[in-house]
Amino acid sequence: MRYLITTKEVKSPFLTQWFEPENHFNDEVEMIVYDLIECKFTTDGKTWNDIEIDHL
């Protein structure tokens, strides 16, 4: 699975292989989408930010 999605309305995060921000992103539920392949996340469906990696 490529994407991990969390929202304020769904108590459990879920994984999916498909995500298109223009079709699937819902700002009303405070969605955060994590791209586990690219190590990025978005909170607005437009801007992808790097996920920091701990190198300990």
C-alpha atoms as a PDB file:
ATOM      1  CA  MET A   1       0.000   0.000   0.000  1.00  0.00           C
ATOM      2  CA  ARG A   2       1.242   3.453  -0.852  1.00  0.00           C
ATOM      3  CA  TYR A   3      -0.913   5.935   1.092  1.00  0.00           C
ATOM      4  CA  LEU A   4      -1.770   6.169   4.783  1.00  0.00           C
ATOM      5  CA  ILE A   5      -4.791   8.410   5.414  1.00  0.00           C
ATOM      6  CA  THR A   6      -5.943   9.879   8.713  1.00  0.00           C
ATOM      7  CA  THR A   7      -8.959  12.094   9.454  1.00  0.00           C
ATOM      8  CA  LYS A   8     -10.635  13.563  12.516  1.00  0.00           C
ATOM      9  CA  GLU A   9     -13.875  11.683  11.752  1.00  0.00           C
ATOM     10  CA  VAL A  10     -12.491   8.188  11.186  1.00  0.00           C
ATOM     11  CA  LYS A  11     -10.964   6.854  14.392  1.00  0.00           C
ATOM     12  CA  SER A  12      -8.677   4.400  12.633  1.00  0.00           C
ATOM     13  CA  PRO A  13      -6.187   5.387   9.913  1.00  0.00           C
ATOM     14  CA  PHE A  14      -6.374   3.382   6.706  1.00  0.00           C
ATOM     15  CA  LEU A  15      -4.086   2.338   3.871  1.00  0.00           C
ATOM     16  CA  THR A  16      -4.870   2.545   0.168  1.00  0.00           C
ATOM     17  CA  GLN A  17      -3.023   2.087  -3.090  1.00  0.00           C
ATOM     18  CA  TRP A  18      -4.942   4.854  -4.900  1.00  0.00           C
ATOM     19  CA  PHE A  19      -5.185   8.543  -4.074  1.00  0.00           C
ATOM     20  CA  GLU A  20      -5.851  11.502  -6.370  1.00  0.00           C
ATOM     21  CA  PRO A  21      -5.927  14.782  -4.425  1.00  0.00           C
ATOM     22  CA  GLU A  22      -8.296  16.492  -6.859  1.00  0.00           C
ATOM     23  CA  ASN A  23     -10.839  13.667  -6.488  1.00  0.00           C
ATOM     24  CA  HIS A  24     -10.262  12.215  -3.027  1.00  0.00           C
ATOM     25  CA  PHE A  25      -8.966  14.931  -0.696  1.00  0.00           C
ATOM     26  CA  ASN A  26     -11.548  16.222   1.814  1.00  0.00           C
ATOM     27  CA  ASP A  27     -10.466  19.242   3.865  1.00  0.00           C
ATOM     28  CA  GLU A  28     -13.696  19.182   5.921  1.00  0.00           C
ATOM     29  CA  VAL A  29     -12.564  16.100   7.861  1.00  0.00           C
ATOM     30  CA  GLU A  30      -9.039  17.427   8.537  1.00  0.00           C
ATOM     31  CA  MET A  31      -7.523  14.790   6.280  1.00  0.00           C
ATOM     32  CA  ILE A  32      -3.802  14.109   6.263  1.00  0.00           C
ATOM     33  CA  VAL A  33      -2.412  11.884   3.529  1.00  0.00           C
ATOM     34  CA  TYR A  34       1.003  10.249   3.842  1.00  0.00           C
ATOM     35  CA  ASP A  35       2.742   8.948   0.706  1.00  0.00           C
ATOM     36  CA  LEU A  36       4.819   6.110   2.127  1.00  0.00           C
ATOM     37  CA  ILE A  37       6.757   5.535  -1.123  1.00  0.00           C
ATOM     38  CA  GLU A  38       7.839   9.154  -1.646  1.00  0.00           C
ATOM     39  CA  CYS A  39       8.101   9.911   2.131  1.00  0.00           C
ATOM     40  CA  LYS A  40       5.836  12.952   1.833  1.00  0.00           C
ATOM     41  CA  PHE A  41       2.553  14.160   3.353  1.00  0.00           C
ATOM     42  CA  THR A  42      -0.147  16.709   2.570  1.00  0.00           C
ATOM     43  CA  THR A  43      -2.637  18.514   4.789  1.00  0.00           C
ATOM     44  CA  ASP A  44      -4.265  20.531   1.997  1.00  0.00           C
ATOM     45  CA  GLY A  45      -4.276  18.127  -0.956  1.00  0.00           C
ATOM     46  CA  LYS A  46      -1.959  20.417  -2.930  1.00  0.00           C
ATOM     47  CA  THR A  47       1.351  20.890  -1.126  1.00  0.00           C
ATOM     48  CA  TRP A  48       3.437  17.799  -0.437  1.00  0.00           C
ATOM     49  CA  ASN A  49       5.938  18.125   2.423  1.00  0.00           C
ATOM     50  CA  ASP A  50       8.829  15.816   3.252  1.00  0.00           C
ATOM     51  CA  ILE A  51       8.423  13.390   6.128  1.00  0.00           C
ATOM     52  CA  GLU A  52      11.465  13.728   8.339  1.00  0.00           C
ATOM     53  CA  ILE A  53      13.491  10.551   8.725  1.00  0.00           C
ATOM     54  CA  ASP A  54      15.254   9.831  11.989  1.00  0.00           C
ATOM     55  CA  HIS A  55      18.772   8.553  11.355  1.00  0.00           C
ATOM     56  CA  LEU A  56      19.580   7.321  14.851  1.00  0.00           C
END
